[in-house]
N, C-alpha and C. Protein backbone atom coordinates (compact mmCIF):
# COMPACT_ATOMS: atom_id res chain seq x y z
N UNK A 1 35.80 127.37 213.72
CA UNK A 1 36.00 128.59 214.29
C UNK A 1 35.28 129.75 213.91
N UNK A 2 34.95 130.55 214.69
CA UNK A 2 34.06 131.80 214.29
C UNK A 2 34.89 132.94 214.23
N UNK A 3 34.66 133.68 212.78
CA UNK A 3 35.46 134.66 212.45
C UNK A 3 34.56 136.02 212.67
N UNK A 4 35.42 137.19 213.02
CA UNK A 4 34.68 138.33 212.91
C UNK A 4 34.70 139.01 211.63
N UNK A 5 35.84 138.68 211.02
CA UNK A 5 36.06 139.09 209.68
C UNK A 5 35.67 137.87 208.72
N UNK A 6 34.42 137.51 208.60
CA UNK A 6 34.04 136.39 208.08
C UNK A 6 34.39 136.47 206.51
N UNK A 7 34.21 137.57 205.84
CA UNK A 7 34.52 137.76 204.30
C UNK A 7 36.04 137.46 204.13
N UNK A 8 36.85 138.11 204.90
CA UNK A 8 38.20 138.08 204.82
C UNK A 8 38.80 136.52 205.12
N UNK A 9 38.21 135.76 206.11
CA UNK A 9 38.68 134.48 206.39
C UNK A 9 38.17 133.47 205.26
N UNK A 10 37.20 133.77 204.46
CA UNK A 10 36.46 133.13 203.55
C UNK A 10 37.45 132.97 202.24
N UNK A 11 38.61 133.65 202.29
CA UNK A 11 39.58 133.65 201.16
C UNK A 11 39.93 135.06 200.56
N UNK A 12 39.08 136.01 200.84
CA UNK A 12 39.64 137.25 200.33
C UNK A 12 41.01 138.04 201.00
N UNK A 13 41.37 137.47 202.05
CA UNK A 13 42.48 138.04 202.75
C UNK A 13 43.70 137.80 202.05
N UNK A 14 43.72 136.43 201.29
CA UNK A 14 44.67 136.17 200.54
C UNK A 14 45.05 136.82 199.32
N UNK A 15 43.94 137.41 198.90
CA UNK A 15 44.18 138.48 197.65
C UNK A 15 45.01 139.77 198.04
N UNK A 16 45.11 140.08 199.28
CA UNK A 16 45.96 141.40 199.56
C UNK A 16 47.52 140.73 199.52
N UNK A 17 48.22 141.82 199.45
CA UNK A 17 49.73 141.76 199.44
C UNK A 17 49.91 141.76 200.87
N UNK A 18 51.36 141.26 201.23
CA UNK A 18 51.66 141.13 202.48
C UNK A 18 51.44 142.66 203.18
N UNK A 19 52.21 143.62 202.52
CA UNK A 19 52.00 144.86 203.01
C UNK A 19 50.58 145.34 203.36
N UNK A 20 49.46 144.96 202.57
CA UNK A 20 48.22 145.52 202.68
C UNK A 20 47.58 144.77 204.05
N UNK A 21 48.07 143.18 204.18
CA UNK A 21 47.69 142.42 205.13
C UNK A 21 48.15 143.17 206.53
N UNK A 22 49.47 143.43 206.45
CA UNK A 22 49.93 143.97 207.68
C UNK A 22 49.60 145.29 208.01
N UNK A 23 49.16 146.14 207.06
CA UNK A 23 48.56 147.54 207.35
C UNK A 23 47.22 147.38 207.86
N UNK A 24 46.49 146.57 207.34
CA UNK A 24 45.08 146.16 208.03
C UNK A 24 45.23 145.77 209.63
N UNK A 25 46.17 144.85 209.73
CA UNK A 25 46.50 144.27 211.19
C UNK A 25 47.00 145.72 212.07
N UNK A 26 47.61 146.51 211.50
CA UNK A 26 48.22 147.61 212.20
C UNK A 26 46.99 148.53 212.36
N UNK A 27 46.07 148.32 211.53
CA UNK A 27 44.80 149.50 212.03
C UNK A 27 43.95 148.87 213.39
N UNK A 28 44.02 147.57 213.28
CA UNK A 28 43.26 147.20 214.52
C UNK A 28 44.08 147.11 215.74
N UNK A 29 45.47 147.20 215.20
CA UNK A 29 46.48 147.32 216.66
C UNK A 29 46.33 148.71 216.98
N UNK A 30 46.28 149.85 216.07
CA UNK A 30 45.90 151.14 216.67
C UNK A 30 44.70 151.35 217.36
N UNK A 31 43.68 150.73 217.01
CA UNK A 31 42.13 150.78 217.42
C UNK A 31 42.43 150.23 218.99
N UNK A 32 43.23 149.16 219.10
CA UNK A 32 43.36 148.63 220.43
C UNK A 32 43.88 149.61 221.37
N UNK A 33 45.02 150.10 220.94
CA UNK A 33 45.91 151.27 221.62
C UNK A 33 44.97 152.33 221.88
N UNK A 34 44.12 152.90 220.90
CA UNK A 34 43.31 154.16 221.17
C UNK A 34 42.31 153.90 222.24
N UNK A 35 41.68 152.77 222.20
CA UNK A 35 40.54 152.42 223.07
C UNK A 35 41.07 152.30 224.46
N UNK A 36 42.34 151.67 224.59
CA UNK A 36 42.99 151.45 225.87
C UNK A 36 43.25 152.87 226.43
N UNK A 37 43.88 153.75 225.48
CA UNK A 37 44.25 155.30 226.03
C UNK A 37 42.89 156.02 226.42
N UNK A 38 41.82 155.69 225.71
CA UNK A 38 40.68 156.35 226.09
C UNK A 38 39.92 155.76 227.45
N UNK A 39 40.39 154.78 227.99
CA UNK A 39 39.93 154.00 229.14
C UNK A 39 38.84 153.35 228.81
N UNK A 40 38.68 152.68 227.59
CA UNK A 40 37.72 151.61 227.48
C UNK A 40 38.14 150.20 227.13
N UNK A 41 38.18 149.47 228.15
CA UNK A 41 38.83 148.22 228.07
C UNK A 41 38.08 147.14 227.27
N UNK A 42 36.82 147.23 227.10
CA UNK A 42 35.99 146.21 226.51
C UNK A 42 36.24 146.58 224.92
N UNK A 43 36.26 147.73 224.30
CA UNK A 43 36.55 147.86 222.93
C UNK A 43 38.03 147.60 222.53
N UNK A 44 38.79 148.00 223.48
CA UNK A 44 40.36 147.77 223.41
C UNK A 44 40.43 146.39 223.25
N UNK A 45 39.99 145.42 224.06
CA UNK A 45 39.91 144.02 223.94
C UNK A 45 39.42 143.40 222.80
N UNK A 46 38.17 144.18 222.37
CA UNK A 46 37.77 143.67 221.06
C UNK A 46 38.74 143.81 219.75
N UNK A 47 39.22 145.05 219.91
CA UNK A 47 40.05 145.26 218.82
C UNK A 47 41.53 144.26 218.89
N UNK A 48 42.06 144.12 220.10
CA UNK A 48 43.11 143.15 220.20
C UNK A 48 42.53 141.67 219.48
N UNK A 49 41.30 141.20 219.76
CA UNK A 49 40.82 140.12 219.19
C UNK A 49 40.86 140.03 217.75
N UNK A 50 40.36 141.20 217.10
CA UNK A 50 40.47 141.37 215.72
C UNK A 50 41.93 141.34 215.27
N UNK A 51 42.58 142.21 215.97
CA UNK A 51 44.02 142.30 215.22
C UNK A 51 44.71 140.73 215.33
N UNK A 52 44.44 140.04 216.54
CA UNK A 52 44.87 138.55 216.39
C UNK A 52 44.45 137.73 215.37
N UNK A 53 43.11 137.97 215.20
CA UNK A 53 42.38 137.27 214.08
C UNK A 53 43.07 137.65 212.79
N UNK A 54 43.34 138.71 212.43
CA UNK A 54 43.95 139.11 211.15
C UNK A 54 45.55 138.65 211.01
N UNK A 55 46.31 138.68 212.19
CA UNK A 55 47.67 137.97 212.38
C UNK A 55 47.55 136.53 211.94
N UNK A 56 46.45 135.86 212.56
CA UNK A 56 46.48 134.42 212.19
C UNK A 56 46.09 134.20 210.76
N UNK A 57 45.31 135.10 210.05
CA UNK A 57 45.00 134.83 208.71
C UNK A 57 46.42 135.25 207.90
N UNK A 58 47.03 136.03 208.32
CA UNK A 58 48.28 136.34 207.63
C UNK A 58 49.32 135.35 207.70
N UNK A 59 49.32 134.78 208.80
CA UNK A 59 50.39 133.71 209.04
C UNK A 59 49.96 132.31 208.20
N UNK A 60 48.60 132.22 208.14
CA UNK A 60 48.06 131.20 207.40
C UNK A 60 48.06 131.33 206.11
N UNK A 61 48.48 132.31 205.48
CA UNK A 61 48.34 132.52 203.90
C UNK A 61 49.92 132.16 203.47
N UNK A 62 49.69 131.28 202.70
CA UNK A 62 50.90 130.43 201.89
C UNK A 62 51.86 131.28 201.27
N UNK A 63 51.52 132.71 200.89
CA UNK A 63 52.44 133.37 200.39
C UNK A 63 53.34 134.03 201.05
N UNK A 64 53.11 134.03 202.64
CA UNK A 64 53.91 134.61 203.54
C UNK A 64 54.58 133.66 204.39
N UNK A 65 54.83 132.28 203.84
CA UNK A 65 55.44 131.26 204.15
C UNK A 65 57.09 131.61 204.83
N UNK A 66 57.70 132.31 203.78
CA UNK A 66 59.01 132.63 204.03
C UNK A 66 58.98 133.97 205.30
N UNK A 67 58.15 134.52 205.77
CA UNK A 67 57.97 135.53 206.74
C UNK A 67 57.05 135.01 208.03
N UNK A 68 57.35 133.59 208.18
CA UNK A 68 56.53 133.11 209.34
C UNK A 68 57.40 133.42 210.62
N UNK A 69 58.75 133.47 210.71
CA UNK A 69 59.49 133.89 211.84
C UNK A 69 59.10 135.18 212.42
N UNK A 70 58.93 136.21 211.38
CA UNK A 70 58.69 137.46 211.90
C UNK A 70 57.20 137.45 212.23
N UNK A 71 56.20 136.99 211.62
CA UNK A 71 55.16 137.12 211.83
C UNK A 71 54.46 136.42 213.10
N UNK A 72 55.12 135.40 213.27
CA UNK A 72 54.80 134.50 214.77
C UNK A 72 55.51 135.25 215.81
N UNK A 73 56.79 135.87 215.85
CA UNK A 73 57.34 136.71 216.75
C UNK A 73 56.48 137.87 217.10
N UNK A 74 56.05 138.66 215.84
CA UNK A 74 55.17 139.70 216.11
C UNK A 74 53.88 139.50 216.95
N UNK A 75 53.29 138.34 216.47
CA UNK A 75 51.87 137.82 217.41
C UNK A 75 52.29 137.63 218.99
N UNK A 76 53.44 137.05 219.20
CA UNK A 76 53.73 136.62 220.40
C UNK A 76 54.05 137.79 221.30
N UNK A 77 54.82 138.84 220.74
CA UNK A 77 55.16 139.93 221.40
C UNK A 77 53.89 140.76 221.57
N UNK A 78 53.09 140.82 220.55
CA UNK A 78 51.74 141.88 220.91
C UNK A 78 50.90 141.10 221.68
N UNK A 79 50.72 139.82 221.66
CA UNK A 79 50.14 139.19 222.86
C UNK A 79 50.54 139.61 224.17
N UNK A 80 51.90 139.30 224.56
CA UNK A 80 52.74 139.62 225.75
C UNK A 80 52.42 140.80 226.23
N UNK A 81 52.51 142.06 225.19
CA UNK A 81 52.26 143.55 225.42
C UNK A 81 50.86 143.60 225.92
N UNK A 82 49.99 143.24 225.34
CA UNK A 82 48.77 143.67 225.56
C UNK A 82 47.87 142.67 226.71
N UNK A 83 48.38 141.74 226.67
CA UNK A 83 47.51 140.52 227.83
C UNK A 83 48.59 139.97 228.88
N UNK A 84 49.74 140.17 228.85
CA UNK A 84 50.74 139.57 229.64
C UNK A 84 51.39 140.50 230.47
N UNK A 85 52.75 140.08 230.67
CA UNK A 85 53.65 140.98 231.67
C UNK A 85 54.73 142.10 230.71
N UNK A 86 54.44 141.88 229.60
CA UNK A 86 55.26 142.57 228.67
C UNK A 86 56.79 142.39 228.78
N UNK A 87 57.17 141.10 228.77
CA UNK A 87 58.56 140.78 229.21
C UNK A 87 59.54 141.24 228.03
N UNK A 88 58.94 141.61 226.78
CA UNK A 88 59.84 142.26 225.68
C UNK A 88 59.85 143.71 225.84
N UNK A 89 59.27 144.33 226.68
CA UNK A 89 59.27 145.84 226.89
C UNK A 89 58.75 146.48 225.67
N UNK A 90 57.63 146.13 225.05
CA UNK A 90 57.20 146.96 223.73
C UNK A 90 56.31 148.07 224.30
N UNK A 91 56.06 148.85 223.57
CA UNK A 91 54.97 150.06 224.03
C UNK A 91 54.13 150.30 222.89
N UNK A 92 53.19 151.42 223.20
CA UNK A 92 52.30 151.79 222.23
C UNK A 92 52.86 152.48 221.05
N UNK A 93 53.85 153.10 221.38
CA UNK A 93 54.74 153.82 220.35
C UNK A 93 55.51 152.69 219.61
N UNK A 94 56.09 151.94 219.98
CA UNK A 94 56.81 150.87 219.44
C UNK A 94 56.08 150.08 218.37
N UNK A 95 54.74 149.77 218.84
CA UNK A 95 53.61 149.16 217.85
C UNK A 95 53.57 150.00 216.73
N UNK A 96 53.04 151.31 216.80
CA UNK A 96 52.80 152.22 215.84
C UNK A 96 54.26 152.35 214.88
N UNK A 97 55.36 152.20 215.50
CA UNK A 97 56.49 152.37 214.54
C UNK A 97 56.78 151.21 214.01
N UNK A 98 56.39 150.01 214.34
CA UNK A 98 56.48 148.79 213.52
C UNK A 98 55.37 148.81 212.21
N UNK A 99 54.31 149.25 212.64
CA UNK A 99 53.21 149.07 211.55
C UNK A 99 52.91 150.24 210.83
N UNK A 100 53.51 151.27 210.87
CA UNK A 100 53.55 152.55 210.05
C UNK A 100 54.06 152.17 208.69
N UNK A 101 55.45 151.70 208.69
CA UNK A 101 55.96 151.50 207.25
C UNK A 101 55.08 150.50 206.44
N UNK A 102 54.30 149.58 206.71
CA UNK A 102 53.44 148.71 206.20
C UNK A 102 52.34 149.57 205.59
N UNK A 103 51.81 150.51 206.41
CA UNK A 103 50.64 151.43 205.70
C UNK A 103 51.29 152.10 204.77
N UNK A 104 52.37 152.78 204.86
CA UNK A 104 53.18 153.62 203.79
C UNK A 104 53.33 152.79 202.64
N UNK A 105 53.89 151.64 202.59
CA UNK A 105 54.07 150.78 201.51
C UNK A 105 52.84 150.22 200.81
N UNK A 106 51.81 150.00 201.58
CA UNK A 106 50.52 149.57 201.06
C UNK A 106 49.80 150.79 200.19
N UNK A 107 49.99 151.80 200.75
CA UNK A 107 49.30 152.82 200.03
C UNK A 107 50.19 153.37 198.79
N UNK A 108 51.48 153.35 198.92
CA UNK A 108 52.43 153.75 197.88
C UNK A 108 52.19 152.49 196.69
N UNK A 109 51.86 151.28 196.98
CA UNK A 109 51.75 150.36 195.88
C UNK A 109 50.50 150.47 194.95
N UNK A 110 49.67 151.21 195.50
CA UNK A 110 48.32 151.48 194.89
C UNK A 110 48.50 152.15 193.69
């Protein structure tokens, strides 16, 4: 598989705590939202793919094994919101609300 985050995929991602991982995923989600709002579907789609890549790396991280249900559901709902019919009725604001606490927790832990 070809990764955009090559260094992270090579093992550096697992050095981050779950809070740091999710905060980084949230940053890519925010970029996808921002580019979508600015009317740039190409950049938005690229950020979407980067967010998915980071979600996959988070899911694959052994220390997050107990969180698989939440992580895989978040990935499912995010894909549905961005690329499909949004059957879960999520919104840009609901994604911001979901990821903001991870950002706060990651910064606070430093």
